[in-house]
Amino acid sequence: MASVMHKVSWALECQLERDSDLSFVEYHALARLSEERDRSLRMSELAVLTNSSLSRLSHLVTRLEKWGLVRRERGRSDGRFTIATLTKAGYAKLVASAPAHVAAVRQLVIDEFSPTELDQLREYLSLGSTPLRGRSRSSDIGSSREFVEHRAGLTKVPAPAA
């Protein structure tokens, strides 16, 4: 199983770099920020959600800032923490990158399962996995396919704010 997971991860990493000039963790950070109402998170929260150390995340956000995709600022109510915010350019990059990435994940992972297998996978992923994944919005997810796609990091990109 580890070999399969490694191959799928590598294929998705290559797809993102080829089609979007983003690494998987860069894409994942942009996607997680896009899911927040104000497209912002404390750096410490984003580190947990991207399975990164604060040091690694800081380097990643520095790159994303240089590219104009994210901005960093001190917390408004408490200056002891730093907030990462997805910029309009970052959101546009995510929206442009998402269709090819979602198609690749569906082709490599989701489409390989029958509806029954997706139900079993949903059940398996919901058993005690929340502490490993940080915050979960699985209660907002309906079908097994939507749940599995959400857990695989394939959440739908929210519509642009009016």
C-alpha atoms as a PDB file:
ATOM      1  CA  MET A   1       0.000   0.000   0.000  1.00  0.00           C
ATOM      2  CA  ALA A   2       2.847   2.398   0.810  1.00  0.00           C
ATOM      3  CA  SER A   3       4.256   1.864  -2.669  1.00  0.00           C
ATOM      4  CA  VAL A   4       0.913   2.707  -4.286  1.00  0.00           C
ATOM      5  CA  MET A   5       0.503   5.803  -2.139  1.00  0.00           C
ATOM      6  CA  HIS A   6       4.024   6.939  -3.025  1.00  0.00           C
ATOM      7  CA  LYS A   7       3.410   6.448  -6.759  1.00  0.00           C
ATOM      8  CA  VAL A   8       0.096   8.322  -6.648  1.00  0.00           C
ATOM      9  CA  SER A   9       1.656  11.159  -4.625  1.00  0.00           C
ATOM     10  CA  TRP A  10       4.538  11.401  -7.074  1.00  0.00           C
ATOM     11  CA  ALA A  11       2.191  11.381 -10.089  1.00  0.00           C
ATOM     12  CA  LEU A  12       0.114  14.192  -8.541  1.00  0.00           C
ATOM     13  CA  GLU A  13       3.234  16.182  -7.644  1.00  0.00           C
ATOM     14  CA  CYS A  14       4.481  15.886 -11.239  1.00  0.00           C
ATOM     15  CA  GLN A  15       1.057  16.840 -12.637  1.00  0.00           C
ATOM     16  CA  LEU A  16       0.876  19.997 -10.534  1.00  0.00           C
ATOM     17  CA  GLU A  17       4.412  21.067 -11.363  1.00  0.00           C
ATOM     18  CA  ARG A  18       3.909  20.364 -15.077  1.00  0.00           C
ATOM     19  CA  ASP A  19       0.486  21.995 -15.420  1.00  0.00           C
ATOM     20  CA  SER A  20       0.591  24.730 -12.764  1.00  0.00           C
ATOM     21  CA  ASP A  21       4.196  25.371 -11.702  1.00  0.00           C
ATOM     22  CA  LEU A  22       3.145  24.548  -8.128  1.00  0.00           C
ATOM     23  CA  SER A  23       4.290  21.815  -5.777  1.00  0.00           C
ATOM     24  CA  PHE A  24       1.657  19.697  -4.071  1.00  0.00           C
ATOM     25  CA  VAL A  25       2.155  21.459  -0.724  1.00  0.00           C
ATOM     26  CA  GLU A  26       1.957  24.898  -2.408  1.00  0.00           C
ATOM     27  CA  TYR A  27      -1.304  23.902  -4.085  1.00  0.00           C
ATOM     28  CA  HIS A  28      -2.611  22.411  -0.838  1.00  0.00           C
ATOM     29  CA  ALA A  29      -1.807  25.592   1.117  1.00  0.00           C
ATOM     30  CA  LEU A  30      -3.634  27.729  -1.473  1.00  0.00           C
ATOM     31  CA  ALA A  31      -6.596  25.340  -1.440  1.00  0.00           C
ATOM     32  CA  ARG A  32      -6.830  25.351   2.368  1.00  0.00           C
ATOM     33  CA  LEU A  33      -6.731  29.153   2.466  1.00  0.00           C
ATOM     34  CA  SER A  34      -9.462  29.295  -0.195  1.00  0.00           C
ATOM     35  CA  GLU A  35     -11.775  27.259   2.045  1.00  0.00           C
ATOM     36  CA  GLU A  36     -11.780  29.897   4.775  1.00  0.00           C
ATOM     37  CA  ARG A  37     -14.481  32.555   4.735  1.00  0.00           C
ATOM     38  CA  ASP A  38     -11.914  35.378   4.655  1.00  0.00           C
ATOM     39  CA  ARG A  39      -9.300  33.228   2.880  1.00  0.00           C
ATOM     40  CA  SER A  40      -6.982  33.649   5.870  1.00  0.00           C
ATOM     41  CA  LEU A  41      -5.500  31.388   8.539  1.00  0.00           C
ATOM     42  CA  ARG A  42      -2.976  31.668  11.308  1.00  0.00           C
ATOM     43  CA  MET A  43       0.329  30.298  10.106  1.00  0.00           C
ATOM     44  CA  SER A  44       0.277  27.749  12.934  1.00  0.00           C
ATOM     45  CA  GLU A  45      -3.117  26.424  11.758  1.00  0.00           C
ATOM     46  CA  LEU A  46      -1.989  26.308   8.138  1.00  0.00           C
ATOM     47  CA  ALA A  47       1.112  24.382   9.207  1.00  0.00           C
ATOM     48  CA  VAL A  48      -1.056  21.713  10.830  1.00  0.00           C
ATOM     49  CA  LEU A  49      -3.428  21.538   7.868  1.00  0.00           C
ATOM     50  CA  THR A  50      -0.575  21.155   5.369  1.00  0.00           C
ATOM     51  CA  ASN A  51       1.345  18.736   7.605  1.00  0.00           C
ATOM     52  CA  SER A  52       4.292  21.152   7.678  1.00  0.00           C
ATOM     53  CA  SER A  53       6.540  22.450  10.408  1.00  0.00           C
ATOM     54  CA  LEU A  54       6.286  26.190  11.043  1.00  0.00           C
ATOM     55  CA  SER A  55       9.766  26.596   9.581  1.00  0.00           C
ATOM     56  CA  ARG A  56       8.875  24.724   6.383  1.00  0.00           C
ATOM     57  CA  LEU A  57       5.598  26.629   6.084  1.00  0.00           C
ATOM     58  CA  SER A  58       7.394  29.938   6.567  1.00  0.00           C
ATOM     59  CA  HIS A  59       9.700  29.149   3.632  1.00  0.00           C
ATOM     60  CA  LEU A  60       6.715  28.036   1.548  1.00  0.00           C
ATOM     61  CA  VAL A  61       4.731  31.201   2.320  1.00  0.00           C
ATOM     62  CA  THR A  62       7.796  33.319   1.526  1.00  0.00           C
ATOM     63  CA  ARG A  63       7.846  31.759  -1.971  1.00  0.00           C
ATOM     64  CA  LEU A  64       4.102  32.250  -2.389  1.00  0.00           C
ATOM     65  CA  GLU A  65       4.462  35.884  -1.257  1.00  0.00           C
ATOM     66  CA  LYS A  66       7.223  36.512  -3.825  1.00  0.00           C
ATOM     67  CA  TRP A  67       4.873  35.212  -6.500  1.00  0.00           C
ATOM     68  CA  GLY A  68       2.037  37.441  -5.235  1.00  0.00           C
ATOM     69  CA  LEU A  69      -0.189  34.485  -4.318  1.00  0.00           C
ATOM     70  CA  VAL A  70      -0.292  34.980  -0.533  1.00  0.00           C
ATOM     71  CA  ARG A  71       0.331  37.869   1.826  1.00  0.00           C
ATOM     72  CA  ARG A  72       1.442  37.661   5.421  1.00  0.00           C
ATOM     73  CA  GLU A  73       0.440  40.063   8.202  1.00  0.00           C
ATOM     74  CA  ARG A  74       0.378  40.258  11.975  1.00  0.00           C
ATOM     75  CA  GLY A  75      -2.824  39.230  13.718  1.00  0.00           C
ATOM     76  CA  ARG A  76      -5.187  42.186  14.080  1.00  0.00           C
ATOM     77  CA  SER A  77      -6.393  41.404  17.587  1.00  0.00           C
ATOM     78  CA  ASP A  78      -3.163  39.796  18.784  1.00  0.00           C
ATOM     79  CA  GLY A  79       0.125  40.740  17.153  1.00  0.00           C
ATOM     80  CA  ARG A  80       1.840  37.646  18.551  1.00  0.00           C
ATOM     81  CA  PHE A  81       0.769  35.502  15.615  1.00  0.00           C
ATOM     82  CA  THR A  82       1.003  35.786  11.848  1.00  0.00           C
ATOM     83  CA  ILE A  83      -1.859  35.430   9.376  1.00  0.00           C
ATOM     84  CA  ALA A  84      -1.490  34.060   5.837  1.00  0.00           C
ATOM     85  CA  THR A  85      -4.076  35.387   3.378  1.00  0.00           C
ATOM     86  CA  LEU A  86      -4.789  34.200  -0.146  1.00  0.00           C
ATOM     87  CA  THR A  87      -4.558  37.112  -2.598  1.00  0.00           C
ATOM     88  CA  LYS A  88      -6.761  37.595  -5.668  1.00  0.00           C
ATOM     89  CA  ALA A  89      -3.833  36.418  -7.797  1.00  0.00           C
ATOM     90  CA  GLY A  90      -3.456  33.364  -5.549  1.00  0.00           C
ATOM     91  CA  TYR A  91      -7.126  32.560  -5.878  1.00  0.00           C
ATOM     92  CA  ALA A  92      -6.923  32.950  -9.671  1.00  0.00           C
ATOM     93  CA  LYS A  93      -3.896  30.625  -9.759  1.00  0.00           C
ATOM     94  CA  LEU A  94      -5.785  28.047  -7.688  1.00  0.00           C
ATOM     95  CA  VAL A  95      -8.884  28.270  -9.880  1.00  0.00           C
ATOM     96  CA  ALA A  96      -6.745  27.858 -13.008  1.00  0.00           C
ATOM     97  CA  SER A  97      -4.859  24.906 -11.483  1.00  0.00           C
ATOM     98  CA  ALA A  98      -7.792  23.030  -9.967  1.00  0.00           C
ATOM     99  CA  PRO A  99      -9.477  21.438 -13.021  1.00  0.00           C
ATOM    100  CA  ALA A 100      -6.373  19.553 -14.205  1.00  0.00           C
ATOM    101  CA  HIS A 101      -5.472  18.523 -10.662  1.00  0.00           C
ATOM    102  CA  VAL A 102      -8.980  17.313  -9.829  1.00  0.00           C
ATOM    103  CA  ALA A 103      -9.095  15.394 -13.119  1.00  0.00           C
ATOM    104  CA  ALA A 104      -5.760  13.729 -12.299  1.00  0.00           C
ATOM    105  CA  VAL A 105      -6.893  12.711  -8.809  1.00  0.00           C
ATOM    106  CA  ARG A 106     -10.162  11.380 -10.143  1.00  0.00           C
ATOM    107  CA  GLN A 107      -8.355   9.406 -12.832  1.00  0.00           C
ATOM    108  CA  LEU A 108      -5.648   8.041 -10.520  1.00  0.00           C
ATOM    109  CA  VAL A 109      -7.737   7.435  -7.399  1.00  0.00           C
ATOM    110  CA  ILE A 110     -11.486   8.058  -7.343  1.00  0.00           C
ATOM    111  CA  ASP A 111     -12.419   6.381 -10.642  1.00  0.00           C
ATOM    112  CA  GLU A 112     -10.598   3.214  -9.556  1.00  0.00           C
ATOM    113  CA  PHE A 113     -13.259   2.546  -6.900  1.00  0.00           C
ATOM    114  CA  SER A 114     -16.798   1.238  -7.297  1.00  0.00           C
ATOM    115  CA  PRO A 115     -19.575   3.061  -5.409  1.00  0.00           C
ATOM    116  CA  THR A 116     -19.474   0.317  -2.767  1.00  0.00           C
ATOM    117  CA  GLU A 117     -15.710   0.644  -2.403  1.00  0.00           C
ATOM    118  CA  LEU A 118     -16.057   4.424  -2.095  1.00  0.00           C
ATOM    119  CA  ASP A 119     -18.548   3.884   0.728  1.00  0.00           C
ATOM    120  CA  GLN A 120     -16.054   1.559   2.439  1.00  0.00           C
ATOM    121  CA  LEU A 121     -13.240   4.058   1.930  1.00  0.00           C
ATOM    122  CA  ARG A 122     -15.413   6.838   3.335  1.00  0.00           C
ATOM    123  CA  GLU A 123     -16.093   4.737   6.407  1.00  0.00           C
ATOM    124  CA  TYR A 124     -12.423   3.894   6.811  1.00  0.00           C
ATOM    125  CA  LEU A 125     -11.321   7.531   6.454  1.00  0.00           C
ATOM    126  CA  SER A 126     -13.885   8.705   8.984  1.00  0.00           C
ATOM    127  CA  LEU A 127     -12.697   6.297  11.696  1.00  0.00           C
ATOM    128  CA  GLY A 128     -10.384   8.254  13.936  1.00  0.00           C
ATOM    129  CA  SER A 129      -8.653  10.107  11.124  1.00  0.00           C
ATOM    130  CA  THR A 130      -9.777  13.606  12.127  1.00  0.00           C
ATOM    131  CA  PRO A 131      -6.953  14.127  14.652  1.00  0.00           C
ATOM    132  CA  LEU A 132      -4.491  13.235  11.897  1.00  0.00           C
ATOM    133  CA  ARG A 133      -5.988  15.717   9.465  1.00  0.00           C
ATOM    134  CA  GLY A 134      -6.576  18.752  11.662  1.00  0.00           C
ATOM    135  CA  ARG A 135      -9.962  20.409  11.304  1.00  0.00           C
ATOM    136  CA  SER A 136     -12.521  18.491   9.313  1.00  0.00           C
ATOM    137  CA  ARG A 137     -15.646  19.631   7.581  1.00  0.00           C
ATOM    138  CA  SER A 138     -16.838  16.094   6.827  1.00  0.00           C
ATOM    139  CA  SER A 139     -20.220  16.842   8.388  1.00  0.00           C
ATOM    140  CA  ASP A 140     -20.801  19.268   5.498  1.00  0.00           C
ATOM    141  CA  ILE A 141     -20.063  16.592   2.890  1.00  0.00           C
ATOM    142  CA  GLY A 142     -22.930  14.530   1.495  1.00  0.00           C
ATOM    143  CA  SER A 143     -22.159  11.631  -0.822  1.00  0.00           C
ATOM    144  CA  SER A 144     -19.351   9.111  -0.472  1.00  0.00           C
ATOM    145  CA  ARG A 145     -17.670  10.461  -3.600  1.00  0.00           C
ATOM    146  CA  GLU A 146     -17.790  14.028  -2.222  1.00  0.00           C
ATOM    147  CA  PHE A 147     -16.457  12.833   1.140  1.00  0.00           C
ATOM    148  CA  VAL A 148     -13.561  10.890  -0.395  1.00  0.00           C
ATOM    149  CA  GLU A 149     -12.707  13.788  -2.721  1.00  0.00           C
ATOM    150  CA  HIS A 150     -12.756  16.147   0.279  1.00  0.00           C
ATOM    151  CA  ARG A 151     -10.458  13.873   2.290  1.00  0.00           C
ATOM    152  CA  ALA A 152      -8.130  13.565  -0.711  1.00  0.00           C
ATOM    153  CA  GLY A 153      -7.805  17.359  -0.847  1.00  0.00           C
ATOM    154  CA  LEU A 154     -10.142  17.756  -3.799  1.00  0.00           C
ATOM    155  CA  THR A 155     -12.579  20.138  -2.214  1.00  0.00           C
ATOM    156  CA  LYS A 156     -14.391  22.371  -4.621  1.00  0.00           C
ATOM    157  CA  VAL A 157     -12.900  25.804  -5.004  1.00  0.00           C
ATOM    158  CA  PRO A 158     -15.375  28.340  -3.610  1.00  0.00           C
ATOM    159  CA  ALA A 159     -16.968  30.836  -5.963  1.00  0.00           C
ATOM    160  CA  PRO A 160     -15.281  34.238  -6.064  1.00  0.00           C
ATOM    161  CA  ALA A 161     -16.538  36.675  -3.428  1.00  0.00           C
ATOM    162  CA  ALA A 162     -18.899  39.282  -4.816  1.00  0.00           C
END
